[in-house]
Amino acid sequence: MNTEKAGIGWSGIFRLGLVQAALGSIVVLTTATINRVMVVELALPAMLPGALVGLHYGIQIMRPRFGHGSDLGGRRTPWIIGGMAVLATGGLSAALATAWMQSNFTAGVLFAVFAFVMVGIGVGASGTTLLALLAKLVNSQRRAAAATIVWLMMIMGFVITAGTAGHFLDPFSITRLIVVTAVVCAMALGLTLLAIHGIEGNGGSFEVLPAPEPDQPRVPFSTALAQVWEEAAARRFAVFVFVSMLAYSAQDLILEPFAGVVFGLTPGESTQLSGVHSSGLLVGMLMVALLGSTFSGRSFGSLRLWMIGGCMASAAALVNLAAASINGPPWPLNSSVFALGVANGAFAVGAIGSMMGMADRGRKAREGTRMGLWGAAQAIAFGLGGFMGTAVVDFTRLMLDSPVLAYAAVFSIQSMLFIAAALLGLRIEQTVSQREDHQFAFAREVLQGG
């Protein structure tokens, strides 16, 4: 007989998904739109926003510490709300700093450093503890469902924000940038407060588990992190996450400038192009969920297969973008970016589903620390990848005086990194695959009206 607690239902999972959507709405403005404004409208070196976004990812090396703090406290909600408040403050500050650079470049850059540190702390604290909360409140059959739904809603946050903000940013002005950013940050914080309220306490109609008990005894952070690192599965997955996210993130800071420089798109049009990529992510994730449901229990429904196959498909899509850079208009840019999004989405579902399945493997009361380790690997990779992409663009343009070859070089390097990640994915412990029979149970349940 199955004695596992029921955990929260689909409504509770969707509530947590709203928090991730709110987080994504702020992140897409700070890492994509503001980055493009610095490079194109202000004509600043691409390495400046690259370094700033890299800083915000570097700060997220603190993710294991955030996760461990929530493990000890026994409640994740204060960390999620506090992190979102810090993130909203950082997002608005980033827009203000960009405006300040026009009149006082040095002061604007210093304020931007403060802003992106705030963004990094906010994302790290809220994102890590949200995933840890999912791991504790969602039962094993629904964990992949929760991961997929929450990340799909984050992508929807990207899509909605990119499309709506892109509309209101044209005709572009710095004042419009500040106003749009302020509205998005305020709405994101308000949505978080509404969605998270009571999720760890009396859930009303939701089937909410009691708050996790604090560690007994209270284990120091260094000891808890060392214990998690000793777990072979957690360690190997962290290495895979690092390499795959290094490949994924190199395009983050160059996609919109690439569209502006090579294809002549306006700020609003290039922001909407980010929405095209996010739409592809959404389609890729839904495609894997549906196919995984249809072929559940067989190799074609394997999360591990989609994780590795998504890496290979992403590599192929990046080769296509390198060709787009060399050929320029009238290359079908939207279709190429959409294809990359679909491949990235397939990879993301496989990786995230595996992560949620592994969250409670190993020592008890370490879900937050374990999530923090993988989150830190992702953040470090994103920081290095974003800076690497912008640095290669600047260096190649300096040496060859050719933006076309500069962007083609970055897309080619990304492709090779995705291939390396696929090879590393083959080495992840087979115990991950043992859980895959349950990973798509949520899709069958939804399709059957459960």
Protein backbone atom coordinates (compact mmCIF):
# COMPACT_ATOMS: atom_id res chain seq x y z
CA MET A 1 0.00 0.00 0.00
CA ASN A 2 1.28 3.49 -0.83
CA THR A 3 1.79 5.39 2.45
CA GLU A 4 3.32 8.50 0.93
CA LYS A 5 1.65 11.77 1.93
CA ALA A 6 -0.51 13.35 -0.72
CA GLY A 7 1.31 16.70 -0.76
CA ILE A 8 -0.06 19.80 -2.44
CA GLY A 9 -2.39 19.42 -5.40
CA TRP A 10 -2.27 20.94 -8.87
CA SER A 11 -3.67 24.26 -7.67
CA GLY A 12 -0.88 24.63 -5.13
CA ILE A 13 1.71 23.78 -7.79
CA PHE A 14 0.28 26.43 -10.10
CA ARG A 15 0.46 28.96 -7.26
CA LEU A 16 4.17 28.28 -6.88
CA GLY A 17 4.48 28.53 -10.65
CA LEU A 18 3.16 32.09 -10.46
CA VAL A 19 6.10 32.96 -8.21
CA GLN A 20 8.54 31.62 -10.81
CA ALA A 21 6.74 33.58 -13.52
CA ALA A 22 7.12 36.75 -11.45
CA LEU A 23 10.82 36.05 -11.00
CA GLY A 24 11.29 35.50 -14.73
CA SER A 25 9.51 38.74 -15.63
CA ILE A 26 12.13 40.82 -13.78
CA VAL A 27 15.10 38.76 -14.94
CA VAL A 28 14.23 39.06 -18.65
CA LEU A 29 14.26 42.86 -18.41
CA THR A 30 17.56 43.12 -16.54
CA THR A 31 19.55 40.52 -18.47
CA ALA A 32 18.14 41.04 -21.97
CA THR A 33 16.50 44.44 -22.52
CA ILE A 34 18.76 46.59 -20.32
CA ASN A 35 21.77 44.74 -21.74
CA ARG A 36 20.70 45.64 -25.28
CA VAL A 37 20.12 49.30 -24.34
CA MET A 38 23.65 49.58 -22.96
CA VAL A 39 25.24 48.04 -26.05
CA VAL A 40 23.15 49.57 -28.85
CA GLU A 41 21.46 52.75 -27.62
CA LEU A 42 24.32 53.89 -25.33
CA ALA A 43 27.05 52.44 -27.59
CA LEU A 44 28.92 50.92 -24.62
CA PRO A 45 31.27 47.91 -24.92
CA ALA A 46 29.39 44.61 -24.72
CA MET A 47 31.71 43.54 -21.92
CA LEU A 48 30.14 46.09 -19.53
CA PRO A 49 26.68 44.50 -19.33
CA GLY A 50 28.44 41.14 -19.69
CA ALA A 51 30.43 41.84 -16.54
CA LEU A 52 27.35 43.15 -14.70
CA VAL A 53 25.22 40.13 -15.53
CA GLY A 54 28.22 37.92 -14.76
CA LEU A 55 28.40 39.62 -11.34
CA HIS A 56 24.76 38.83 -10.63
CA TYR A 57 25.41 35.18 -11.47
CA GLY A 58 28.62 35.15 -9.43
CA ILE A 59 26.71 36.36 -6.36
CA GLN A 60 24.52 33.29 -6.72
CA ILE A 61 27.40 31.11 -5.57
CA MET A 62 25.66 31.80 -2.24
CA ARG A 63 22.71 29.62 -3.30
CA PRO A 64 23.79 26.63 -1.16
CA ARG A 65 23.94 28.96 1.84
CA PHE A 66 20.43 30.25 1.14
CA GLY A 67 19.16 26.69 0.78
CA HIS A 68 20.87 25.57 3.97
CA GLY A 69 19.38 28.52 5.85
CA SER A 70 15.90 27.49 4.81
CA ASP A 71 16.69 23.87 5.74
CA LEU A 72 17.59 24.98 9.25
CA GLY A 73 14.68 27.39 9.65
CA GLY A 74 12.16 24.82 8.48
CA ARG A 75 10.22 27.36 6.36
CA ARG A 76 10.90 28.51 2.80
CA THR A 77 8.26 31.26 2.45
CA PRO A 78 10.21 34.08 4.18
CA TRP A 79 13.19 33.39 1.92
CA ILE A 80 11.03 33.44 -1.20
CA ILE A 81 9.27 36.71 -0.32
CA GLY A 82 12.43 38.40 0.91
CA GLY A 83 14.34 37.31 -2.17
CA MET A 84 11.65 38.64 -4.51
CA ALA A 85 11.64 42.01 -2.72
CA VAL A 86 15.41 42.28 -3.14
CA LEU A 87 15.11 41.21 -6.79
CA ALA A 88 12.47 43.87 -7.53
CA THR A 89 14.64 46.54 -5.91
CA GLY A 90 17.62 45.42 -7.97
CA GLY A 91 15.65 45.37 -11.23
CA LEU A 92 14.42 48.94 -10.82
CA SER A 93 17.87 50.08 -9.70
CA ALA A 94 19.38 48.58 -12.88
CA ALA A 95 17.09 50.72 -15.06
CA LEU A 96 17.90 53.83 -13.02
CA ALA A 97 21.62 53.10 -13.25
CA THR A 98 21.38 52.79 -17.04
CA ALA A 99 19.75 56.22 -17.19
CA TRP A 100 22.41 57.67 -14.87
CA MET A 101 25.19 56.48 -17.20
CA GLN A 102 24.10 59.08 -19.75
CA SER A 103 24.92 62.01 -17.46
CA ASN A 104 27.53 60.50 -15.12
CA PHE A 105 29.06 57.34 -16.49
CA THR A 106 31.17 56.43 -13.43
CA ALA A 107 28.36 56.95 -10.93
CA GLY A 108 25.96 55.05 -13.18
CA VAL A 109 28.30 52.06 -13.42
CA LEU A 110 28.84 51.99 -9.64
CA PHE A 111 25.09 52.08 -9.06
CA ALA A 112 24.65 49.34 -11.67
CA VAL A 113 27.10 47.16 -9.72
CA PHE A 114 24.91 47.60 -6.62
CA ALA A 115 21.78 46.86 -8.68
CA PHE A 116 23.07 43.63 -10.17
CA VAL A 117 24.36 42.42 -6.79
CA MET A 118 20.80 42.89 -5.52
CA VAL A 119 19.41 41.02 -8.52
CA GLY A 120 21.81 38.12 -7.86
CA ILE A 121 20.89 37.89 -4.19
CA GLY A 122 17.18 38.08 -4.98
CA VAL A 123 17.26 35.40 -7.67
CA GLY A 124 19.45 33.12 -5.54
CA ALA A 125 17.37 33.36 -2.39
CA SER A 126 13.92 33.14 -3.98
CA GLY A 127 14.75 30.65 -6.74
CA THR A 128 16.64 28.15 -4.58
CA THR A 129 14.12 28.07 -1.79
CA LEU A 130 11.20 27.83 -4.23
CA LEU A 131 12.65 24.65 -5.73
CA ALA A 132 13.39 23.29 -2.25
CA LEU A 133 9.79 24.00 -1.26
CA LEU A 134 8.59 22.09 -4.30
CA ALA A 135 10.80 19.14 -3.39
CA LYS A 136 9.29 19.01 0.12
CA LEU A 137 5.63 19.73 -0.62
CA VAL A 138 5.17 17.71 -3.82
CA ASN A 139 5.03 13.92 -3.72
CA SER A 140 7.33 11.82 -5.88
CA GLN A 141 4.76 11.10 -8.61
CA ARG A 142 4.14 14.82 -9.17
CA ARG A 143 7.66 16.21 -8.80
CA ALA A 144 8.41 16.21 -12.51
CA ALA A 145 4.98 17.75 -13.04
CA ALA A 146 5.78 20.49 -10.58
CA ALA A 147 9.17 21.18 -12.15
CA THR A 148 7.70 21.31 -15.65
CA ILE A 149 4.71 23.47 -14.71
CA VAL A 150 6.79 25.91 -12.67
CA TRP A 151 9.41 26.34 -15.36
CA LEU A 152 6.80 26.59 -18.09
CA MET A 153 5.21 29.41 -16.13
CA MET A 154 8.59 31.11 -15.81
CA ILE A 155 8.95 30.93 -19.60
CA MET A 156 5.44 32.34 -19.91
CA GLY A 157 6.63 35.18 -17.69
CA PHE A 158 9.49 35.72 -20.14
CA VAL A 159 7.16 35.64 -23.14
CA ILE A 160 4.48 37.92 -21.70
CA THR A 161 6.98 40.43 -20.31
CA ALA A 162 9.15 40.48 -23.43
CA GLY A 163 6.18 40.97 -25.73
CA THR A 164 4.36 43.52 -23.57
CA ALA A 165 7.46 45.46 -22.55
CA GLY A 166 8.69 45.44 -26.14
CA HIS A 167 5.41 47.05 -27.20
CA PHE A 168 5.54 49.80 -24.58
CA LEU A 169 9.25 50.50 -25.07
CA ASP A 170 8.74 51.76 -28.64
CA PRO A 171 9.34 54.56 -29.47
CA PHE A 172 12.29 54.05 -27.14
CA SER A 173 13.36 56.47 -24.42
CA ILE A 174 15.19 56.05 -21.11
CA THR A 175 12.13 57.34 -19.29
CA ARG A 176 9.99 54.63 -20.87
CA LEU A 177 12.57 52.03 -19.80
CA ILE A 178 12.38 53.17 -16.16
CA VAL A 179 8.56 53.30 -16.10
CA VAL A 180 8.11 49.89 -17.73
CA THR A 181 10.67 48.32 -15.39
CA ALA A 182 9.04 49.86 -12.30
CA VAL A 183 5.61 48.55 -13.29
CA VAL A 184 6.92 45.04 -13.98
CA CYS A 185 8.82 44.89 -10.66
CA ALA A 186 5.81 46.09 -8.64
CA MET A 187 3.46 43.61 -10.31
CA ALA A 188 5.95 40.75 -9.81
CA LEU A 189 6.29 41.42 -6.08
CA GLY A 190 2.53 41.77 -5.62
CA LEU A 191 1.87 38.52 -7.49
CA THR A 192 4.42 36.71 -5.33
CA LEU A 193 2.81 37.89 -2.10
CA LEU A 194 -0.62 36.70 -3.26
CA ALA A 195 0.57 33.35 -4.64
CA ILE A 196 2.76 32.27 -1.72
CA HIS A 197 0.42 33.32 1.08
CA GLY A 198 -0.41 30.38 3.36
CA ILE A 199 1.26 27.73 1.20
CA GLU A 200 3.28 26.40 4.15
CA GLY A 201 0.59 26.99 6.76
CA ASN A 202 -3.13 26.41 6.58
CA GLY A 203 -3.64 25.79 2.93
CA GLY A 204 -7.43 26.01 2.97
CA SER A 205 -8.56 23.76 0.15
CA PHE A 206 -4.97 22.84 -0.66
CA GLU A 207 -3.46 19.66 0.72
CA VAL A 208 -0.40 21.27 2.31
CA LEU A 209 2.22 19.31 4.20
CA PRO A 210 3.42 20.64 7.56
CA ALA A 211 6.55 22.78 7.52
CA PRO A 212 9.74 20.71 7.53
CA GLU A 213 11.37 20.17 10.89
CA PRO A 214 14.65 21.96 11.55
CA ASP A 215 17.86 19.90 11.45
CA GLN A 216 18.56 18.00 14.66
CA PRO A 217 21.24 18.90 15.59
CA ARG A 218 21.85 22.15 13.67
CA VAL A 219 24.59 21.17 11.25
CA PRO A 220 27.03 23.91 10.15
CA PHE A 221 26.76 24.99 6.52
CA SER A 222 30.27 23.77 5.62
CA THR A 223 29.50 20.31 6.98
CA ALA A 224 26.15 20.09 5.19
CA LEU A 225 27.68 21.17 1.88
CA ALA A 226 30.53 18.66 2.24
CA GLN A 227 28.01 15.89 2.94
CA VAL A 228 26.07 16.73 -0.22
CA TRP A 229 29.25 16.96 -2.33
CA GLU A 230 30.21 13.44 -1.17
CA GLU A 231 27.07 12.09 -2.85
CA ALA A 232 28.21 10.83 -6.26
CA ALA A 233 24.89 11.49 -8.00
CA ALA A 234 24.67 15.08 -6.73
CA ARG A 235 28.30 15.78 -7.66
CA ARG A 236 28.06 14.36 -11.19
CA PHE A 237 24.81 16.14 -11.88
CA ALA A 238 26.39 19.41 -10.75
CA VAL A 239 29.17 18.97 -13.32
CA PHE A 240 26.63 18.30 -16.09
CA VAL A 241 24.59 21.34 -15.07
CA PHE A 242 27.71 23.52 -15.20
CA VAL A 243 28.77 22.53 -18.71
CA SER A 244 25.28 22.52 -20.24
CA MET A 245 24.38 25.89 -18.72
CA LEU A 246 27.72 27.31 -19.85
CA ALA A 247 26.63 26.42 -23.38
CA TYR A 248 23.11 27.75 -22.90
CA SER A 249 24.06 31.08 -21.34
CA ALA A 250 26.60 32.30 -23.88
CA GLN A 251 23.76 33.45 -26.16
CA ASP A 252 21.88 35.28 -23.40
CA LEU A 253 23.69 38.60 -23.66
CA ILE A 254 24.41 38.59 -27.37
CA LEU A 255 21.10 37.56 -28.94
CA GLU A 256 19.45 41.00 -28.83
CA PRO A 257 22.62 42.94 -29.77
CA PHE A 258 23.18 40.38 -32.56
CA ALA A 259 19.68 41.07 -33.87
CA GLY A 260 20.28 44.81 -33.73
CA VAL A 261 23.77 44.86 -35.26
CA VAL A 262 23.44 42.14 -37.95
CA PHE A 263 19.70 42.34 -38.76
CA GLY A 264 18.99 45.98 -37.86
CA LEU A 265 16.11 45.32 -35.45
CA THR A 266 14.84 48.10 -33.15
CA PRO A 267 14.94 47.72 -29.31
CA GLY A 268 11.27 46.73 -29.29
CA GLU A 269 11.75 44.24 -32.13
CA SER A 270 14.81 42.63 -30.52
CA THR A 271 12.98 42.38 -27.18
CA GLN A 272 10.16 40.60 -29.02
CA LEU A 273 12.79 38.27 -30.54
CA SER A 274 13.65 37.18 -26.99
CA GLY A 275 9.95 36.41 -26.69
CA VAL A 276 10.21 34.23 -29.81
CA HIS A 277 13.01 32.23 -28.16
CA SER A 278 10.96 31.91 -24.98
CA SER A 279 7.95 30.76 -27.03
CA GLY A 280 10.14 28.04 -28.51
CA LEU A 281 11.17 27.01 -25.01
CA LEU A 282 7.50 26.69 -24.10
CA VAL A 283 6.75 24.55 -27.15
CA GLY A 284 9.79 22.33 -26.51
CA MET A 285 8.81 21.70 -22.92
CA LEU A 286 5.20 20.88 -23.79
CA MET A 287 6.33 18.62 -26.62
CA VAL A 288 8.53 16.57 -24.29
CA ALA A 289 5.78 16.36 -21.68
CA LEU A 290 3.24 15.05 -24.22
CA LEU A 291 5.64 12.62 -25.92
CA GLY A 292 6.92 11.46 -22.56
CA SER A 293 3.37 10.72 -21.49
CA THR A 294 2.65 8.78 -24.67
CA PHE A 295 5.82 6.70 -24.46
CA SER A 296 6.12 6.52 -20.65
CA GLY A 297 8.02 3.46 -19.49
CA ARG A 298 9.85 3.16 -22.82
CA SER A 299 13.13 4.67 -23.94
CA PHE A 300 11.42 7.45 -25.91
CA GLY A 301 9.80 8.65 -22.68
CA SER A 302 13.10 8.79 -20.80
CA LEU A 303 13.96 12.13 -19.20
CA ARG A 304 17.62 11.25 -19.53
CA LEU A 305 17.15 10.73 -23.28
CA TRP A 306 15.47 14.12 -23.67
CA MET A 307 18.14 15.79 -21.56
CA ILE A 308 20.94 14.47 -23.78
CA GLY A 309 18.96 14.74 -27.02
CA GLY A 310 18.04 18.33 -26.17
CA CYS A 311 21.73 19.15 -25.85
CA MET A 312 22.42 17.71 -29.31
CA ALA A 313 19.44 19.51 -30.88
CA SER A 314 20.59 22.77 -29.29
CA ALA A 315 24.03 22.25 -30.83
CA ALA A 316 22.47 21.86 -34.28
CA ALA A 317 20.27 24.96 -33.82
CA LEU A 318 23.31 27.03 -32.86
CA VAL A 319 25.12 25.97 -36.03
CA ASN A 320 22.07 27.30 -37.86
CA LEU A 321 22.36 30.65 -36.03
CA ALA A 322 26.04 30.86 -36.93
CA ALA A 323 24.97 30.51 -40.57
CA ALA A 324 22.37 33.25 -39.98
CA SER A 325 25.10 35.56 -38.73
CA ILE A 326 27.26 34.95 -41.80
CA ASN A 327 24.41 35.29 -44.29
CA GLY A 328 22.39 38.06 -42.59
CA PRO A 329 19.06 39.24 -44.06
CA PRO A 330 16.91 37.76 -45.53
CA TRP A 331 17.79 34.72 -43.38
CA PRO A 332 14.65 33.59 -41.44
CA LEU A 333 15.90 34.83 -38.06
CA ASN A 334 12.67 34.29 -36.14
CA SER A 335 12.44 30.66 -37.29
CA SER A 336 16.08 30.02 -36.34
CA VAL A 337 15.65 31.52 -32.88
CA PHE A 338 12.38 29.61 -32.39
CA ALA A 339 14.11 26.32 -33.29
CA LEU A 340 16.83 27.03 -30.75
CA GLY A 341 14.14 27.66 -28.13
CA VAL A 342 12.42 24.34 -28.87
CA ALA A 343 15.72 22.45 -28.50
CA ASN A 344 16.55 24.32 -25.30
CA GLY A 345 13.10 23.51 -23.92
CA ALA A 346 13.51 19.78 -24.54
CA PHE A 347 16.86 19.86 -22.75
CA ALA A 348 15.41 21.88 -19.87
CA VAL A 349 12.54 19.47 -19.15
CA GLY A 350 14.90 16.51 -19.10
CA ALA A 351 17.37 18.25 -16.81
CA ILE A 352 14.81 19.81 -14.46
CA GLY A 353 12.77 16.61 -14.19
CA SER A 354 15.93 14.67 -13.30
CA MET A 355 16.86 17.33 -10.76
CA MET A 356 13.51 17.13 -9.00
CA GLY A 357 13.71 13.33 -8.99
CA MET A 358 17.13 13.48 -7.33
CA ALA A 359 16.32 16.23 -4.81
CA ASP A 360 15.59 13.89 -1.90
CA ARG A 361 18.22 11.27 -2.71
CA GLY A 362 20.85 11.05 -0.02
CA ARG A 363 20.96 12.48 3.50
CA LYS A 364 17.69 13.79 4.90
CA ALA A 365 16.95 17.52 5.39
CA ARG A 366 19.42 18.50 2.68
CA GLU A 367 16.99 19.34 -0.15
CA GLY A 368 17.75 23.05 0.08
CA THR A 369 21.51 22.53 0.20
CA ARG A 370 21.36 20.06 -2.70
CA MET A 371 19.25 22.43 -4.80
CA GLY A 372 21.62 25.20 -3.84
CA LEU A 373 24.62 23.23 -5.10
CA TRP A 374 22.99 22.67 -8.51
CA GLY A 375 21.76 26.24 -8.56
CA ALA A 376 25.26 27.51 -7.81
CA ALA A 377 26.69 25.38 -10.63
CA GLN A 378 24.09 26.87 -12.95
CA ALA A 379 24.74 30.42 -11.75
CA ILE A 380 28.51 30.19 -12.07
CA ALA A 381 28.10 28.74 -15.57
CA PHE A 382 25.66 31.50 -16.53
CA GLY A 383 28.03 34.17 -15.26
CA LEU A 384 31.03 32.74 -17.07
CA GLY A 385 29.01 31.95 -20.19
CA GLY A 386 27.47 35.40 -20.48
CA PHE A 387 30.80 37.13 -20.00
CA MET A 388 32.55 34.67 -22.31
CA GLY A 389 30.02 35.35 -25.07
CA THR A 390 30.40 39.13 -24.85
CA ALA A 391 34.20 38.89 -24.54
CA VAL A 392 34.48 36.71 -27.66
CA VAL A 393 32.28 39.18 -29.57
CA ASP A 394 34.40 42.17 -28.52
CA PHE A 395 37.73 40.40 -29.12
CA THR A 396 36.75 39.00 -32.51
CA ARG A 397 35.38 42.35 -33.68
CA LEU A 398 38.62 44.02 -32.57
CA MET A 399 40.84 41.49 -34.33
CA LEU A 400 38.83 40.96 -37.52
CA ASP A 401 36.69 44.11 -37.63
CA SER A 402 33.74 41.87 -38.46
CA PRO A 403 30.61 41.64 -36.27
CA VAL A 404 29.38 38.85 -38.55
CA LEU A 405 32.31 36.56 -37.70
CA ALA A 406 32.20 37.64 -34.06
CA TYR A 407 28.66 36.39 -33.51
CA ALA A 408 29.22 33.30 -35.65
CA ALA A 409 32.21 32.40 -33.45
CA VAL A 410 30.16 32.57 -30.25
CA PHE A 411 27.34 30.43 -31.66
CA SER A 412 29.89 27.84 -32.86
CA ILE A 413 31.56 27.65 -29.44
CA GLN A 414 28.16 27.18 -27.81
CA SER A 415 27.44 24.31 -30.17
CA MET A 416 30.63 22.50 -29.17
CA LEU A 417 29.88 22.98 -25.47
CA PHE A 418 26.42 21.44 -25.87
CA ILE A 419 28.00 18.40 -27.51
CA ALA A 420 30.40 18.09 -24.56
CA ALA A 421 27.44 18.35 -22.15
CA ALA A 422 25.65 15.54 -23.98
CA LEU A 423 28.68 13.31 -23.51
CA LEU A 424 28.81 14.15 -19.81
CA GLY A 425 25.09 13.41 -19.51
CA LEU A 426 25.79 9.84 -20.55
CA ARG A 427 27.84 9.38 -17.38
CA ILE A 428 25.16 10.38 -14.92
CA GLU A 429 24.26 7.49 -12.64
CA GLN A 430 21.75 5.01 -13.97
CA THR A 431 19.80 5.44 -10.72
CA VAL A 432 18.32 8.58 -12.27
CA SER A 433 16.74 6.43 -14.96
CA GLN A 434 15.20 4.12 -12.35
CA ARG A 435 12.83 6.90 -11.33
CA GLU A 436 11.75 7.84 -14.81
CA ASP A 437 8.71 5.58 -14.88
CA HIS A 438 7.06 8.15 -12.59
CA GLN A 439 8.34 11.31 -14.26
CA PHE A 440 5.48 11.75 -16.73
CA ALA A 441 2.71 10.32 -14.58
CA PHE A 442 1.42 13.87 -14.21
CA ALA A 443 0.68 14.17 -17.94
CA ARG A 444 -1.31 10.95 -17.97
CA GLU A 445 -3.21 12.11 -14.93
CA VAL A 446 -4.04 15.45 -16.49
CA LEU A 447 -5.04 13.90 -19.83
CA GLN A 448 -7.28 11.42 -18.02
CA GLY A 449 -8.95 14.20 -16.08
CA GLY A 450 -7.18 13.32 -12.80
